[in-house]
């Protein structure tokens, strides 16, 4: 098992929730009532998305050095064991 770092962006929504997305991992969307909860959910979503990608491609080559434009409030790299 290896760990890769996925940068995520977290923003506070007016409805009282936090939203996490990633420019590096399309499809990563997580929502929680706190930043910690949102990060935990984002880690689970990232793990799931990456496992699907690995199953479809049948290899362990995951691109992670994309440059991202961040427009939201908080930028958090999350470790994801795959």
N, C-alpha and C. Protein backbone atom coordinates (compact mmCIF):
# COMPACT_ATOMS: atom_id res chain seq x y z
N UNK A 1 0.84 -1.17 0.00
CA UNK A 1 0.00 0.00 0.00
C UNK A 1 0.89 1.24 0.00
N UNK A 2 0.49 2.23 -0.78
CA UNK A 2 1.24 3.48 -0.79
C UNK A 2 0.32 4.64 -0.47
N UNK A 3 0.88 5.75 -0.09
CA UNK A 3 0.10 6.94 0.23
C UNK A 3 0.46 8.02 -0.76
N UNK A 4 -0.56 8.63 -1.34
CA UNK A 4 -0.37 9.76 -2.22
C UNK A 4 -1.04 10.97 -1.59
N UNK A 5 -0.63 12.15 -1.98
CA UNK A 5 -1.19 13.38 -1.44
C UNK A 5 -2.12 13.99 -2.49
N UNK A 6 -3.37 14.19 -2.11
CA UNK A 6 -4.36 14.80 -2.98
C UNK A 6 -4.69 16.18 -2.40
N UNK A 7 -4.40 17.26 -3.12
CA UNK A 7 -4.78 18.58 -2.59
C UNK A 7 -6.28 18.78 -2.75
N UNK A 8 -6.91 19.26 -1.70
CA UNK A 8 -8.34 19.58 -1.77
C UNK A 8 -8.54 21.04 -1.40
N UNK A 9 -9.67 21.56 -1.82
CA UNK A 9 -10.05 22.92 -1.48
C UNK A 9 -11.35 22.84 -0.69
N UNK A 10 -11.39 23.52 0.45
CA UNK A 10 -12.57 23.51 1.31
C UNK A 10 -13.12 24.93 1.39
N UNK A 11 -14.42 25.03 1.23
CA UNK A 11 -15.07 26.33 1.39
C UNK A 11 -16.27 26.18 2.31
N UNK A 12 -16.58 27.24 3.01
CA UNK A 12 -17.74 27.25 3.89
C UNK A 12 -18.95 27.70 3.08
N UNK A 13 -20.03 26.94 3.14
CA UNK A 13 -21.26 27.26 2.42
C UNK A 13 -22.21 28.05 3.32
N UNK A 14 -22.96 28.97 2.75
CA UNK A 14 -23.90 29.78 3.56
C UNK A 14 -24.93 28.92 4.31
N UNK A 15 -25.18 27.72 3.82
CA UNK A 15 -26.15 26.84 4.48
C UNK A 15 -25.60 26.23 5.77
N UNK A 16 -24.32 26.49 6.09
CA UNK A 16 -23.75 26.02 7.34
C UNK A 16 -22.90 24.77 7.20
N UNK A 17 -22.56 24.38 5.99
CA UNK A 17 -21.74 23.20 5.75
C UNK A 17 -20.43 23.59 5.10
N UNK A 18 -19.48 22.65 5.10
CA UNK A 18 -18.20 22.82 4.41
C UNK A 18 -18.21 21.90 3.19
N UNK A 19 -17.64 22.37 2.08
CA UNK A 19 -17.59 21.61 0.85
C UNK A 19 -16.14 21.43 0.42
N UNK A 20 -15.75 20.19 0.13
CA UNK A 20 -14.39 19.89 -0.33
C UNK A 20 -14.46 19.42 -1.79
N UNK A 21 -13.54 19.93 -2.60
CA UNK A 21 -13.38 19.49 -3.99
C UNK A 21 -11.89 19.39 -4.28
N UNK A 22 -11.57 18.79 -5.42
CA UNK A 22 -10.16 18.68 -5.82
C UNK A 22 -10.05 18.86 -7.32
N UNK A 23 -9.13 19.73 -7.74
CA UNK A 23 -8.84 19.88 -9.16
C UNK A 23 -8.02 18.71 -9.69
N UNK A 24 -7.34 18.02 -8.80
CA UNK A 24 -6.48 16.91 -9.17
C UNK A 24 -7.26 15.62 -9.35
N UNK A 25 -8.32 15.45 -8.57
CA UNK A 25 -9.11 14.23 -8.61
C UNK A 25 -10.56 14.58 -8.94
N UNK A 26 -10.89 14.63 -10.25
CA UNK A 26 -12.26 14.97 -10.64
C UNK A 26 -13.25 14.01 -10.01
N UNK A 27 -14.36 14.53 -9.57
CA UNK A 27 -15.37 13.70 -8.93
C UNK A 27 -15.30 13.73 -7.42
N UNK A 28 -14.20 14.25 -6.87
CA UNK A 28 -14.09 14.34 -5.42
C UNK A 28 -14.91 15.52 -4.94
N UNK A 29 -16.03 15.20 -4.30
CA UNK A 29 -16.90 16.20 -3.70
C UNK A 29 -17.31 15.63 -2.34
N UNK A 30 -17.06 16.40 -1.29
CA UNK A 30 -17.41 15.94 0.05
C UNK A 30 -18.00 17.11 0.82
N UNK A 31 -19.01 16.82 1.63
CA UNK A 31 -19.66 17.86 2.42
C UNK A 31 -19.77 17.38 3.86
N UNK A 32 -19.46 18.29 4.79
CA UNK A 32 -19.56 17.94 6.20
C UNK A 32 -19.96 19.13 7.04
N UNK A 33 -20.26 18.87 8.30
CA UNK A 33 -20.67 19.94 9.20
C UNK A 33 -19.49 20.62 9.88
N UNK A 34 -18.29 20.04 9.75
CA UNK A 34 -17.06 20.65 10.28
C UNK A 34 -15.94 20.40 9.27
N UNK A 35 -14.85 21.13 9.43
CA UNK A 35 -13.71 20.92 8.53
C UNK A 35 -13.16 19.52 8.72
N UNK A 36 -13.03 19.06 9.97
CA UNK A 36 -12.50 17.72 10.22
C UNK A 36 -13.37 16.64 9.58
N UNK A 37 -14.68 16.76 9.75
CA UNK A 37 -15.59 15.78 9.16
C UNK A 37 -15.50 15.82 7.63
N UNK A 38 -15.40 17.00 7.05
CA UNK A 38 -15.31 17.14 5.60
C UNK A 38 -14.03 16.51 5.08
N UNK A 39 -12.92 16.69 5.77
CA UNK A 39 -11.66 16.07 5.37
C UNK A 39 -11.76 14.55 5.45
N UNK A 40 -12.35 14.04 6.52
CA UNK A 40 -12.51 12.59 6.67
C UNK A 40 -13.35 12.01 5.53
N UNK A 41 -14.44 12.67 5.19
CA UNK A 41 -15.29 12.21 4.10
C UNK A 41 -14.53 12.31 2.77
N UNK A 42 -13.78 13.39 2.58
CA UNK A 42 -13.00 13.56 1.35
C UNK A 42 -11.97 12.45 1.20
N UNK A 43 -11.34 12.04 2.29
CA UNK A 43 -10.38 10.93 2.24
C UNK A 43 -11.06 9.65 1.77
N UNK A 44 -12.26 9.37 2.32
CA UNK A 44 -13.00 8.17 1.91
C UNK A 44 -13.41 8.24 0.44
N UNK A 45 -13.90 9.40 0.01
CA UNK A 45 -14.31 9.56 -1.39
C UNK A 45 -13.09 9.40 -2.31
N UNK A 46 -11.96 10.01 -1.95
CA UNK A 46 -10.74 9.90 -2.77
C UNK A 46 -10.30 8.45 -2.87
N UNK A 47 -10.31 7.75 -1.75
CA UNK A 47 -9.92 6.33 -1.73
C UNK A 47 -10.81 5.52 -2.67
N UNK A 48 -12.10 5.78 -2.64
CA UNK A 48 -13.05 5.07 -3.48
C UNK A 48 -12.81 5.40 -4.97
N UNK A 49 -12.67 6.68 -5.29
CA UNK A 49 -12.44 7.08 -6.68
C UNK A 49 -11.15 6.49 -7.24
N UNK A 50 -10.11 6.49 -6.42
CA UNK A 50 -8.82 5.95 -6.87
C UNK A 50 -8.91 4.44 -7.05
N UNK A 51 -9.61 3.75 -6.16
CA UNK A 51 -9.72 2.29 -6.31
C UNK A 51 -10.48 1.94 -7.59
N UNK A 52 -11.51 2.72 -7.93
CA UNK A 52 -12.23 2.50 -9.19
C UNK A 52 -11.29 2.72 -10.37
N UNK A 53 -10.51 3.80 -10.32
CA UNK A 53 -9.56 4.11 -11.39
C UNK A 53 -8.55 2.98 -11.56
N UNK A 54 -8.04 2.46 -10.45
CA UNK A 54 -7.06 1.38 -10.52
C UNK A 54 -7.68 0.11 -11.10
N UNK A 55 -8.91 -0.19 -10.74
CA UNK A 55 -9.59 -1.37 -11.29
C UNK A 55 -9.79 -1.24 -12.79
N UNK A 56 -10.18 -0.05 -13.24
CA UNK A 56 -10.44 0.17 -14.67
C UNK A 56 -9.16 0.14 -15.49
N UNK A 57 -8.10 0.73 -14.96
CA UNK A 57 -6.84 0.81 -15.71
C UNK A 57 -5.95 -0.40 -15.47
N UNK A 58 -6.17 -1.11 -14.37
CA UNK A 58 -5.38 -2.29 -14.07
C UNK A 58 -3.92 -2.03 -13.78
N UNK A 59 -3.62 -0.84 -13.24
CA UNK A 59 -2.23 -0.54 -12.87
C UNK A 59 -2.19 0.37 -11.67
N UNK A 60 -0.98 0.68 -11.21
CA UNK A 60 -0.80 1.54 -10.05
C UNK A 60 -0.21 2.88 -10.39
N UNK A 61 -0.31 3.30 -11.64
CA UNK A 61 0.24 4.59 -12.05
C UNK A 61 -0.83 5.66 -11.91
N UNK A 62 -0.71 6.46 -10.88
CA UNK A 62 -1.67 7.52 -10.63
C UNK A 62 -0.96 8.86 -10.80
N UNK A 63 -1.48 9.68 -11.67
CA UNK A 63 -0.91 11.01 -11.89
C UNK A 63 -1.30 11.91 -10.72
N UNK A 64 -0.31 12.54 -10.09
CA UNK A 64 -0.64 13.41 -8.96
C UNK A 64 0.07 14.76 -9.02
N UNK A 65 0.80 15.04 -10.10
CA UNK A 65 1.53 16.29 -10.12
C UNK A 65 0.88 17.35 -11.01
N UNK A 66 -0.44 17.40 -10.98
CA UNK A 66 -1.16 18.42 -11.72
C UNK A 66 -1.00 19.76 -11.01
N UNK A 67 -0.96 20.84 -11.80
CA UNK A 67 -0.98 22.16 -11.19
C UNK A 67 -2.43 22.62 -11.15
N UNK A 68 -2.85 23.14 -10.02
CA UNK A 68 -4.25 23.50 -9.84
C UNK A 68 -4.40 24.99 -9.59
N UNK A 69 -5.50 25.53 -10.04
CA UNK A 69 -5.89 26.90 -9.73
C UNK A 69 -6.90 26.83 -8.60
N UNK A 70 -6.59 27.42 -7.46
CA UNK A 70 -7.49 27.38 -6.33
C UNK A 70 -8.24 28.70 -6.20
N UNK A 71 -9.56 28.60 -6.09
CA UNK A 71 -10.38 29.78 -6.00
C UNK A 71 -11.13 29.86 -4.66
N UNK A 72 -11.02 28.85 -3.84
CA UNK A 72 -11.81 28.81 -2.62
C UNK A 72 -10.95 29.11 -1.41
N UNK A 73 -11.47 28.83 -0.21
CA UNK A 73 -10.89 29.37 1.01
C UNK A 73 -9.71 28.60 1.61
N UNK A 74 -9.83 27.30 1.76
CA UNK A 74 -8.85 26.53 2.50
C UNK A 74 -8.29 25.44 1.61
N UNK A 75 -6.99 25.27 1.60
CA UNK A 75 -6.35 24.25 0.77
C UNK A 75 -5.67 23.25 1.70
N UNK A 76 -6.10 21.99 1.62
CA UNK A 76 -5.63 20.97 2.53
C UNK A 76 -5.14 19.76 1.75
N UNK A 77 -3.86 19.39 1.86
CA UNK A 77 -3.45 18.13 1.25
C UNK A 77 -3.88 16.98 2.16
N UNK A 78 -4.52 15.97 1.57
CA UNK A 78 -4.95 14.83 2.38
C UNK A 78 -4.21 13.58 1.95
N UNK A 79 -3.71 12.81 2.90
CA UNK A 79 -3.04 11.54 2.54
C UNK A 79 -4.09 10.47 2.26
N UNK A 80 -3.89 9.75 1.18
CA UNK A 80 -4.82 8.68 0.82
C UNK A 80 -4.03 7.42 0.58
N UNK A 81 -4.24 6.41 1.40
CA UNK A 81 -3.55 5.13 1.22
C UNK A 81 -4.29 4.32 0.17
N UNK A 82 -3.54 3.85 -0.83
CA UNK A 82 -4.14 3.06 -1.91
C UNK A 82 -3.41 1.75 -2.08
